[in-house]
C-alpha cells in the first residue's frame, strides 16, 4: 500500500459505472492511472475556470478607453466626493 505524506489529501466521488468506464478508457489511452487522469483533468478544468474569472478580455477600443481614463482621469463628481467622505468617516471610526 502506498503511503501518503501529511500534505496529501484524499477526495472520493461516487459516479455511474458508465462514467468510470469512460474515464478509465481515457486514462488507459494516455498511459495514466485512473487517479492520475482524474486529478490532471480536474486541475486543468479548475485552472481554466479560475483564469476565466480572473482575466478580463477587452476589445482594442475598450482597452484604449481604459488606458485613456487612467492617463487622463476625469474630475471627481459629486457621487465620488460623497463616497470619499463616507470612506474617510468609516475608517476614522475604526481606528
PDB file of N, CA and C in Angstrom:
ATOM      1  N   UNK A   1       0.848  -1.186   0.000  1.00  0.00           N
ATOM      2  CA  UNK A   1       0.000   0.000   0.000  1.00  0.00           C
ATOM      3  C   UNK A   1       0.885   1.238   0.000  1.00  0.00           C
ATOM      4  N   UNK A   2       0.562   2.184  -0.850  1.00  0.00           N
ATOM      5  CA  UNK A   2       1.355   3.409  -0.946  1.00  0.00           C
ATOM      6  C   UNK A   2       1.064   4.305   0.241  1.00  0.00           C
ATOM      7  N   UNK A   3       2.109   4.899   0.770  1.00  0.00           N
ATOM      8  CA  UNK A   3       1.896   5.817   1.885  1.00  0.00           C
ATOM      9  C   UNK A   3       1.699   7.224   1.343  1.00  0.00           C
ATOM     10  N   UNK A   4       1.014   8.025   2.127  1.00  0.00           N
ATOM     11  CA  UNK A   4       0.781   9.409   1.727  1.00  0.00           C
ATOM     12  C   UNK A   4       1.512  10.322   2.692  1.00  0.00           C
ATOM     13  N   UNK A   5       1.939  11.444   2.193  1.00  0.00           N
ATOM     14  CA  UNK A   5       2.607  12.406   3.053  1.00  0.00           C
ATOM     15  C   UNK A   5       1.550  13.181   3.824  1.00  0.00           C
ATOM     16  N   UNK A   6       1.941  13.836   4.907  1.00  0.00           N
ATOM     17  CA  UNK A   6       0.965  14.608   5.698  1.00  0.00           C
ATOM     18  C   UNK A   6       0.268  15.703   4.896  1.00  0.00           C
ATOM     19  N   UNK A   7       0.875  16.144   3.797  1.00  0.00           N
ATOM     20  CA  UNK A   7       0.275  17.207   2.991  1.00  0.00           C
ATOM     21  C   UNK A   7      -0.717  16.678   1.970  1.00  0.00           C
ATOM     22  N   UNK A   8      -0.756  15.366   1.774  1.00  0.00           N
ATOM     23  CA  UNK A   8      -1.691  14.775   0.815  1.00  0.00           C
ATOM     24  C   UNK A   8      -3.103  14.774   1.393  1.00  0.00           C
ATOM     25  N   UNK A   9      -4.078  14.945   0.521  1.00  0.00           N
ATOM     26  CA  UNK A   9      -5.483  14.870   0.912  1.00  0.00           C
ATOM     27  C   UNK A   9      -6.169  13.873   0.005  1.00  0.00           C
ATOM     28  N   UNK A  10      -7.232  13.295   0.499  1.00  0.00           N
ATOM     29  CA  UNK A  10      -7.977  12.320  -0.277  1.00  0.00           C
ATOM     30  C   UNK A  10      -9.333  12.926  -0.645  1.00  0.00           C
ATOM     31  N   UNK A  11      -9.751  12.690  -1.879  1.00  0.00           N
ATOM     32  CA  UNK A  11     -11.058  13.089  -2.369  1.00  0.00           C
ATOM     33  C   UNK A  11     -11.712  11.844  -2.943  1.00  0.00           C
ATOM     34  N   UNK A  12     -12.941  11.591  -2.565  1.00  0.00           N
ATOM     35  CA  UNK A  12     -13.655  10.443  -3.117  1.00  0.00           C
ATOM     36  C   UNK A  12     -14.887  10.939  -3.846  1.00  0.00           C
ATOM     37  N   UNK A  13     -15.327  10.169  -4.812  1.00  0.00           N
ATOM     38  CA  UNK A  13     -16.519  10.547  -5.574  1.00  0.00           C
ATOM     39  C   UNK A  13     -17.264   9.285  -5.992  1.00  0.00           C
ATOM     40  N   UNK A  14     -18.568   9.350  -5.943  1.00  0.00           N
ATOM     41  CA  UNK A  14     -19.398   8.276  -6.470  1.00  0.00           C
ATOM     42  C   UNK A  14     -19.842   8.697  -7.856  1.00  0.00           C
ATOM     43  N   UNK A  15     -19.715   7.756  -8.813  1.00  0.00           N
ATOM     44  CA  UNK A  15     -20.133   8.073 -10.166  1.00  0.00           C
ATOM     45  C   UNK A  15     -20.675   6.830 -10.835  1.00  0.00           C
ATOM     46  N   UNK A  16     -21.525   7.055 -11.824  1.00  0.00           N
ATOM     47  CA  UNK A  16     -22.089   5.905 -12.540  1.00  0.00           C
ATOM     48  C   UNK A  16     -20.987   5.073 -13.199  1.00  0.00           C
ATOM     49  N   UNK A  17     -21.239   3.787 -13.335  1.00  0.00           N
ATOM     50  CA  UNK A  17     -20.260   2.885 -13.939  1.00  0.00           C
ATOM     51  C   UNK A  17     -19.876   3.340 -15.333  1.00  0.00           C
ATOM     52  N   UNK A  18     -20.842   3.873 -16.089  1.00  0.00           N
ATOM     53  CA  UNK A  18     -20.532   4.312 -17.457  1.00  0.00           C
ATOM     54  C   UNK A  18     -19.545   5.479 -17.456  1.00  0.00           C
ATOM     55  N   UNK A  19     -19.649   6.346 -16.480  1.00  0.00           N
ATOM     56  CA  UNK A  19     -18.710   7.473 -16.383  1.00  0.00           C
ATOM     57  C   UNK A  19     -17.330   6.951 -16.020  1.00  0.00           C
ATOM     58  N   UNK A  20     -17.276   6.012 -15.061  1.00  0.00           N
ATOM     59  CA  UNK A  20     -15.980   5.432 -14.680  1.00  0.00           C
ATOM     60  C   UNK A  20     -15.339   4.738 -15.872  1.00  0.00           C
ATOM     61  N   UNK A  21     -16.128   4.025 -16.648  1.00  0.00           N
ATOM     62  CA  UNK A  21     -15.599   3.340 -17.825  1.00  0.00           C
ATOM     63  C   UNK A  21     -15.013   4.332 -18.829  1.00  0.00           C
ATOM     64  N   UNK A  22     -15.709   5.441 -19.029  1.00  0.00           N
ATOM     65  CA  UNK A  22     -15.220   6.476 -19.947  1.00  0.00           C
ATOM     66  C   UNK A  22     -13.908   7.067 -19.445  1.00  0.00           C
ATOM     67  N   UNK A  23     -13.863   7.381 -18.162  1.00  0.00           N
ATOM     68  CA  UNK A  23     -12.644   7.940 -17.577  1.00  0.00           C
ATOM     69  C   UNK A  23     -11.498   6.942 -17.640  1.00  0.00           C
ATOM     70  N   UNK A  24     -11.799   5.680 -17.352  1.00  0.00           N
ATOM     71  CA  UNK A  24     -10.761   4.646 -17.391  1.00  0.00           C
ATOM     72  C   UNK A  24     -10.213   4.479 -18.803  1.00  0.00           C
ATOM     73  N   UNK A  25     -11.095   4.504 -19.789  1.00  0.00           N
ATOM     74  CA  UNK A  25     -10.654   4.377 -21.182  1.00  0.00           C
ATOM     75  C   UNK A  25      -9.721   5.521 -21.558  1.00  0.00           C
ATOM     76  N   UNK A  26     -10.100   6.744 -21.183  1.00  0.00           N
ATOM     77  CA  UNK A  26      -9.249   7.898 -21.486  1.00  0.00           C
ATOM     78  C   UNK A  26      -7.918   7.787 -20.752  1.00  0.00           C
ATOM     79  N   UNK A  27      -7.955   7.358 -19.499  1.00  0.00           N
ATOM     80  CA  UNK A  27      -6.721   7.192 -18.729  1.00  0.00           C
ATOM     81  C   UNK A  27      -5.818   6.159 -19.402  1.00  0.00           C
ATOM     82  N   UNK A  28      -6.411   5.035 -19.810  1.00  0.00           N
ATOM     83  CA  UNK A  28      -5.631   3.993 -20.482  1.00  0.00           C
ATOM     84  C   UNK A  28      -4.982   4.525 -21.760  1.00  0.00           C
ATOM     85  N   UNK A  29      -5.721   5.308 -22.511  1.00  0.00           N
ATOM     86  CA  UNK A  29      -5.200   5.849 -23.771  1.00  0.00           C
ATOM     87  C   UNK A  29      -4.041   6.812 -23.554  1.00  0.00           C
ATOM     88  N   UNK A  30      -4.025   7.462 -22.411  1.00  0.00           N
ATOM     89  CA  UNK A  30      -2.938   8.408 -22.123  1.00  0.00           C
ATOM     90  C   UNK A  30      -1.801   7.775 -21.340  1.00  0.00           C
ATOM     91  N   UNK A  31      -1.985   6.527 -20.920  1.00  0.00           N
ATOM     92  CA  UNK A  31      -0.934   5.858 -20.159  1.00  0.00           C
ATOM     93  C   UNK A  31      -0.910   6.248 -18.700  1.00  0.00           C
ATOM     94  N   UNK A  32      -1.972   6.852 -18.212  1.00  0.00           N
ATOM     95  CA  UNK A  32      -2.046   7.272 -16.814  1.00  0.00           C
ATOM     96  C   UNK A  32      -2.948   6.314 -16.044  1.00  0.00           C
ATOM     97  N   UNK A  33      -2.794   6.324 -14.734  1.00  0.00           N
ATOM     98  CA  UNK A  33      -3.751   5.598 -13.913  1.00  0.00           C
ATOM     99  C   UNK A  33      -5.046   6.400 -13.890  1.00  0.00           C
ATOM    100  N   UNK A  34      -6.114   5.758 -13.477  1.00  0.00           N
ATOM    101  CA  UNK A  34      -7.390   6.475 -13.380  1.00  0.00           C
ATOM    102  C   UNK A  34      -7.269   7.669 -12.444  1.00  0.00           C
ATOM    103  N   UNK A  35      -6.616   7.459 -11.322  1.00  0.00           N
ATOM    104  CA  UNK A  35      -6.445   8.541 -10.358  1.00  0.00           C
ATOM    105  C   UNK A  35      -5.633   9.690 -10.956  1.00  0.00           C
ATOM    106  N   UNK A  36      -4.521   9.364 -11.611  1.00  0.00           N
ATOM    107  CA  UNK A  36      -3.689  10.413 -12.227  1.00  0.00           C
ATOM    108  C   UNK A  36      -4.479  11.186 -13.273  1.00  0.00           C
ATOM    109  N   UNK A  37      -5.222  10.444 -14.086  1.00  0.00           N
ATOM    110  CA  UNK A  37      -6.005  11.094 -15.138  1.00  0.00           C
ATOM    111  C   UNK A  37      -7.049  12.026 -14.544  1.00  0.00           C
ATOM    112  N   UNK A  38      -7.767  11.556 -13.531  1.00  0.00           N
ATOM    113  CA  UNK A  38      -8.826  12.369 -12.928  1.00  0.00           C
ATOM    114  C   UNK A  38      -8.263  13.623 -12.261  1.00  0.00           C
ATOM    115  N   UNK A  39      -7.142  13.483 -11.574  1.00  0.00           N
ATOM    116  CA  UNK A  39      -6.530  14.644 -10.924  1.00  0.00           C
ATOM    117  C   UNK A  39      -6.066  15.642 -11.975  1.00  0.00           C
ATOM    118  N   UNK A  40      -5.393  15.153 -13.020  1.00  0.00           N
ATOM    119  CA  UNK A  40      -4.905  16.063 -14.069  1.00  0.00           C
ATOM    120  C   UNK A  40      -6.070  16.776 -14.757  1.00  0.00           C
ATOM    121  N   UNK A  41      -7.132  16.032 -15.062  1.00  0.00           N
ATOM    122  CA  UNK A  41      -8.290  16.640 -15.728  1.00  0.00           C
ATOM    123  C   UNK A  41      -8.971  17.659 -14.822  1.00  0.00           C
ATOM    124  N   UNK A  42      -9.098  17.323 -13.544  1.00  0.00           N
ATOM    125  CA  UNK A  42      -9.747  18.243 -12.604  1.00  0.00           C
ATOM    126  C   UNK A  42      -8.921  19.513 -12.428  1.00  0.00           C
ATOM    127  N   UNK A  43      -7.608  19.364 -12.314  1.00  0.00           N
ATOM    128  CA  UNK A  43      -6.736  20.539 -12.154  1.00  0.00           C
ATOM    129  C   UNK A  43      -6.791  21.412 -13.399  1.00  0.00           C
ATOM    130  N   UNK A  44      -6.761  20.789 -14.570  1.00  0.00           N
ATOM    131  CA  UNK A  44      -6.834  21.549 -15.824  1.00  0.00           C
ATOM    132  C   UNK A  44      -8.130  22.348 -15.895  1.00  0.00           C
ATOM    133  N   UNK A  45      -9.244  21.715 -15.560  1.00  0.00           N
ATOM    134  CA  UNK A  45     -10.539  22.400 -15.585  1.00  0.00           C
ATOM    135  C   UNK A  45     -10.600  23.504 -14.531  1.00  0.00           C
ATOM    136  N   UNK A  46     -10.078  23.231 -13.344  1.00  0.00           N
ATOM    137  CA  UNK A  46     -10.074  24.241 -12.282  1.00  0.00           C
ATOM    138  C   UNK A  46      -9.259  25.460 -12.687  1.00  0.00           C
ATOM    139  N   UNK A  47      -8.093  25.230 -13.294  1.00  0.00           N
ATOM    140  CA  UNK A  47      -7.256  26.345 -13.735  1.00  0.00           C
ATOM    141  C   UNK A  47      -7.962  27.174 -14.804  1.00  0.00           C
ATOM    142  N   UNK A  48      -8.687  26.523 -15.699  1.00  0.00           N
ATOM    143  CA  UNK A  48      -9.417  27.234 -16.749  1.00  0.00           C
ATOM    144  C   UNK A  48     -10.521  28.096 -16.142  1.00  0.00           C
ATOM    145  N   UNK A  49     -11.242  27.558 -15.183  1.00  0.00           N
ATOM    146  CA  UNK A  49     -12.313  28.312 -14.523  1.00  0.00           C
ATOM    147  C   UNK A  49     -11.735  29.513 -13.788  1.00  0.00           C
ATOM    148  N   UNK A  50     -10.640  29.301 -13.070  1.00  0.00           N
ATOM    149  CA  UNK A  50     -10.002  30.411 -12.350  1.00  0.00           C
ATOM    150  C   UNK A  50      -9.536  31.471 -13.335  1.00  0.00           C
ATOM    151  N   UNK A  51      -8.929  31.056 -14.423  1.00  0.00           N
ATOM    152  CA  UNK A  51      -8.461  32.002 -15.449  1.00  0.00           C
ATOM    153  C   UNK A  51      -9.620  32.816 -16.005  1.00  0.00           C
ATOM    154  N   UNK A  52     -10.731  32.139 -16.296  1.00  0.00           N
ATOM    155  CA  UNK A  52     -11.896  32.835 -16.841  1.00  0.00           C
ATOM    156  C   UNK A  52     -12.434  33.885 -15.884  1.00  0.00           C
ATOM    157  N   UNK A  53     -12.305  33.632 -14.592  1.00  0.00           N
ATOM    158  CA  UNK A  53     -12.810  34.564 -13.597  1.00  0.00           C
ATOM    159  C   UNK A  53     -11.829  35.687 -13.279  1.00  0.00           C
ATOM    160  N   UNK A  54     -10.546  35.473 -13.558  1.00  0.00           N
ATOM    161  CA  UNK A  54      -9.531  36.457 -13.201  1.00  0.00           C
ATOM    162  C   UNK A  54      -9.076  37.332 -14.353  1.00  0.00           C
ATOM    163  N   UNK A  55      -9.296  36.888 -15.563  1.00  0.00           N
ATOM    164  CA  UNK A  55      -8.813  37.624 -16.725  1.00  0.00           C
ATOM    165  C   UNK A  55      -9.979  38.355 -17.381  1.00  0.00           C
ATOM    166  N   UNK A  56      -9.762  39.603 -17.676  1.00  0.00           N
ATOM    167  CA  UNK A  56     -10.764  40.409 -18.360  1.00  0.00           C
ATOM    168  C   UNK A  56     -10.318  40.591 -19.803  1.00  0.00           C
ATOM    169  N   UNK A  57     -11.173  40.225 -20.721  1.00  0.00           N
ATOM    170  CA  UNK A  57     -10.863  40.367 -22.140  1.00  0.00           C
ATOM    171  C   UNK A  57     -11.540  41.626 -22.666  1.00  0.00           C
ATOM    172  N   UNK A  58     -10.767  42.481 -23.306  1.00  0.00           N
ATOM    173  CA  UNK A  58     -11.291  43.738 -23.836  1.00  0.00           C
ATOM    174  C   UNK A  58     -10.996  43.840 -25.326  1.00  0.00           C
ATOM    175  N   UNK A  59     -11.893  44.528 -26.008  1.00  0.00           N
ATOM    176  CA  UNK A  59     -11.599  44.858 -27.403  1.00  0.00           C
ATOM    177  C   UNK A  59     -10.517  45.939 -27.401  1.00  0.00           C
ATOM    178  N   UNK A  60      -9.910  46.172 -28.532  1.00  0.00           N
ATOM    179  CA  UNK A  60      -8.897  47.233 -28.637  1.00  0.00           C
ATOM    180  C   UNK A  60      -9.497  48.580 -28.271  1.00  0.00           C
ATOM    181  N   UNK A  61     -10.724  48.810 -28.699  1.00  0.00           N
ATOM    182  CA  UNK A  61     -11.397  50.077 -28.396  1.00  0.00           C
ATOM    183  C   UNK A  61     -11.562  50.242 -26.890  1.00  0.00           C
ATOM    184  N   UNK A  62     -12.063  49.204 -26.225  1.00  0.00           N
ATOM    185  CA  UNK A  62     -12.277  49.279 -24.776  1.00  0.00           C
ATOM    186  C   UNK A  62     -10.962  49.435 -24.022  1.00  0.00           C
ATOM    187  N   UNK A  63      -9.919  48.719 -24.450  1.00  0.00           N
ATOM    188  CA  UNK A  63      -8.615  48.841 -23.803  1.00  0.00           C
ATOM    189  C   UNK A  63      -8.076  50.261 -23.951  1.00  0.00           C
ATOM    190  N   UNK A  64      -8.197  50.832 -25.141  1.00  0.00           N
ATOM    191  CA  UNK A  64      -7.747  52.211 -25.363  1.00  0.00           C
ATOM    192  C   UNK A  64      -8.510  53.177 -24.474  1.00  0.00           C
ATOM    193  N   UNK A  65      -9.806  52.954 -24.318  1.00  0.00           N
ATOM    194  CA  UNK A  65     -10.642  53.818 -23.473  1.00  0.00           C
ATOM    195  C   UNK A  65     -10.168  53.759 -22.019  1.00  0.00           C
ATOM    196  N   UNK A  66      -9.912  52.558 -21.521  1.00  0.00           N
ATOM    197  CA  UNK A  66      -9.463  52.402 -20.131  1.00  0.00           C
ATOM    198  C   UNK A  66      -8.100  53.050 -19.928  1.00  0.00           C
ATOM    199  N   UNK A  67      -7.166  52.808 -20.842  1.00  0.00           N
ATOM    200  CA  UNK A  67      -5.840  53.419 -20.703  1.00  0.00           C
ATOM    201  C   UNK A  67      -5.932  54.942 -20.765  1.00  0.00           C
ATOM    202  N   UNK A  68      -6.809  55.451 -21.600  1.00  0.00           N
ATOM    203  CA  UNK A  68      -7.003  56.899 -21.684  1.00  0.00           C
ATOM    204  C   UNK A  68      -7.536  57.454 -20.366  1.00  0.00           C
ATOM    205  N   UNK A  69      -8.502  56.733 -19.758  1.00  0.00           N
ATOM    206  CA  UNK A  69      -9.061  57.187 -18.476  1.00  0.00           C
ATOM    207  C   UNK A  69      -8.024  57.110 -17.358  1.00  0.00           C
ATOM    208  N   UNK A  70      -7.145  56.124 -17.410  1.00  0.00           N
ATOM    209  CA  UNK A  70      -6.091  56.017 -16.397  1.00  0.00           C
ATOM    210  C   UNK A  70      -5.099  57.167 -16.547  1.00  0.00           C
ATOM    211  N   UNK A  71      -4.742  57.468 -17.783  1.00  0.00           N
ATOM    212  CA  UNK A  71      -3.771  58.532 -18.027  1.00  0.00           C
ATOM    213  C   UNK A  71      -4.375  59.920 -17.867  1.00  0.00           C
ATOM    214  N   UNK A  72      -5.676  60.044 -18.126  1.00  0.00           N
ATOM    215  CA  UNK A  72      -6.360  61.346 -18.056  1.00  0.00           C
ATOM    216  C   UNK A  72      -7.671  61.184 -17.281  1.00  0.00           C
ATOM    217  N   UNK A  73      -7.574  60.974 -15.958  1.00  0.00           N
ATOM    218  CA  UNK A  73      -8.801  60.719 -15.204  1.00  0.00           C
ATOM    219  C   UNK A  73      -9.710  61.951 -15.181  1.00  0.00           C
ATOM    220  N   UNK A  74     -11.026  61.730 -15.220  1.00  0.00           N
ATOM    221  CA  UNK A  74     -11.950  62.860 -15.133  1.00  0.00           C
ATOM    222  C   UNK A  74     -11.946  63.435 -13.722  1.00  0.00           C
ATOM    223  N   UNK A  75     -12.405  64.669 -13.600  1.00  0.00           N
ATOM    224  CA  UNK A  75     -12.505  65.299 -12.286  1.00  0.00           C
ATOM    225  C   UNK A  75     -13.549  64.550 -11.454  1.00  0.00           C
ATOM    226  N   UNK A  76     -13.347  64.466 -10.136  1.00  0.00           N
ATOM    227  CA  UNK A  76     -14.321  63.779  -9.288  1.00  0.00           C
ATOM    228  C   UNK A  76     -15.688  64.457  -9.357  1.00  0.00           C
ATOM    229  N   UNK A  77     -16.737  63.651  -9.473  1.00  0.00           N
ATOM    230  CA  UNK A  77     -18.088  64.213  -9.464  1.00  0.00           C
ATOM    231  C   UNK A  77     -18.647  64.161  -8.041  1.00  0.00           C
ATOM    232  N   UNK A  78     -19.877  64.630  -7.870  1.00  0.00           N
ATOM    233  CA  UNK A  78     -20.475  64.688  -6.529  1.00  0.00           C
ATOM    234  C   UNK A  78     -20.582  63.308  -5.879  1.00  0.00           C
ATOM    235  N   UNK A  79     -20.919  62.287  -6.667  1.00  0.00           N
ATOM    236  CA  UNK A  79     -21.043  60.937  -6.118  1.00  0.00           C
ATOM    237  C   UNK A  79     -19.703  60.418  -5.603  1.00  0.00           C
ATOM    238  N   UNK A  80     -18.637  60.678  -6.341  1.00  0.00           N
ATOM    239  CA  UNK A  80     -17.314  60.228  -5.912  1.00  0.00           C
ATOM    240  C   UNK A  80     -16.872  60.980  -4.666  1.00  0.00           C
ATOM    241  N   UNK A  81     -17.098  62.283  -4.617  1.00  0.00           N
ATOM    242  CA  UNK A  81     -16.725  63.051  -3.432  1.00  0.00           C
ATOM    243  C   UNK A  81     -17.484  62.557  -2.202  1.00  0.00           C
ATOM    244  N   UNK A  82     -18.769  62.254  -2.364  1.00  0.00           N
ATOM    245  CA  UNK A  82     -19.562  61.734  -1.241  1.00  0.00           C
ATOM    246  C   UNK A  82     -19.035  60.358  -0.803  1.00  0.00           C
ATOM    247  N   UNK A  83     -18.662  59.523  -1.756  1.00  0.00           N
ATOM    248  CA  UNK A  83     -18.125  58.204  -1.428  1.00  0.00           C
ATOM    249  C   UNK A  83     -16.802  58.334  -0.673  1.00  0.00           C
ATOM    250  N   UNK A  84     -15.978  59.286  -1.074  1.00  0.00           N
ATOM    251  CA  UNK A  84     -14.702  59.512  -0.385  1.00  0.00           C
ATOM    252  C   UNK A  84     -14.957  59.948   1.048  1.00  0.00           C
ATOM    253  N   UNK A  85     -15.920  60.815   1.247  1.00  0.00           N
ATOM    254  CA  UNK A  85     -16.245  61.266   2.603  1.00  0.00           C
ATOM    255  C   UNK A  85     -16.755  60.111   3.464  1.00  0.00           C
ATOM    256  N   UNK A  86     -17.626  59.250   2.891  1.00  0.00           N
ATOM    257  CA  UNK A  86     -18.120  58.086   3.638  1.00  0.00           C
ATOM    258  C   UNK A  86     -16.977  57.138   3.983  1.00  0.00           C
ATOM    259  N   UNK A  87     -16.074  56.960   3.031  1.00  0.00           N
ATOM    260  CA  UNK A  87     -14.913  56.087   3.250  1.00  0.00           C
ATOM    261  C   UNK A  87     -14.057  56.622   4.397  1.00  0.00           C
ATOM    262  N   UNK A  88     -13.750  57.899   4.360  1.00  0.00           N
ATOM    263  CA  UNK A  88     -12.924  58.500   5.412  1.00  0.00           C
ATOM    264  C   UNK A  88     -13.622  58.424   6.761  1.00  0.00           C
ATOM    265  N   UNK A  89     -14.928  58.698   6.780  1.00  0.00           N
ATOM    266  CA  UNK A  89     -15.671  58.645   8.030  1.00  0.00           C
ATOM    267  C   UNK A  89     -15.685  57.215   8.590  1.00  0.00           C
ATOM    268  N   UNK A  90     -15.882  56.248   7.746  1.00  0.00           N
ATOM    269  CA  UNK A  90     -15.920  54.855   8.174  1.00  0.00           C
ATOM    270  C   UNK A  90     -14.597  54.436   8.773  1.00  0.00           C
ATOM    271  N   UNK A  91     -13.497  54.745   8.075  1.00  0.00           N
ATOM    272  CA  UNK A  91     -12.199  54.290   8.557  1.00  0.00           C
ATOM    273  C   UNK A  91     -11.668  55.126   9.694  1.00  0.00           C
ATOM    274  N   UNK A  92     -12.135  56.347   9.863  1.00  0.00           N
ATOM    275  CA  UNK A  92     -11.705  57.124  11.030  1.00  0.00           C
ATOM    276  C   UNK A  92     -12.399  56.607  12.288  1.00  0.00           C
ATOM    277  N   UNK A  93     -13.587  55.987  12.136  1.00  0.00           N
ATOM    278  CA  UNK A  93     -14.303  55.410  13.266  1.00  0.00           C
ATOM    279  C   UNK A  93     -13.672  54.113  13.736  1.00  0.00           C
ATOM    280  N   UNK A  94     -13.019  53.382  12.830  1.00  0.00           N
ATOM    281  CA  UNK A  94     -12.450  52.092  13.196  1.00  0.00           C
ATOM    282  C   UNK A  94     -11.023  52.174  13.702  1.00  0.00           C
ATOM    283  N   UNK A  95     -10.416  53.350  13.633  1.00  0.00           N
ATOM    284  CA  UNK A  95      -9.026  53.495  14.096  1.00  0.00           C
ATOM    285  C   UNK A  95      -8.940  53.501  15.591  1.00  0.00           C
TER     286      UNK A  95
END
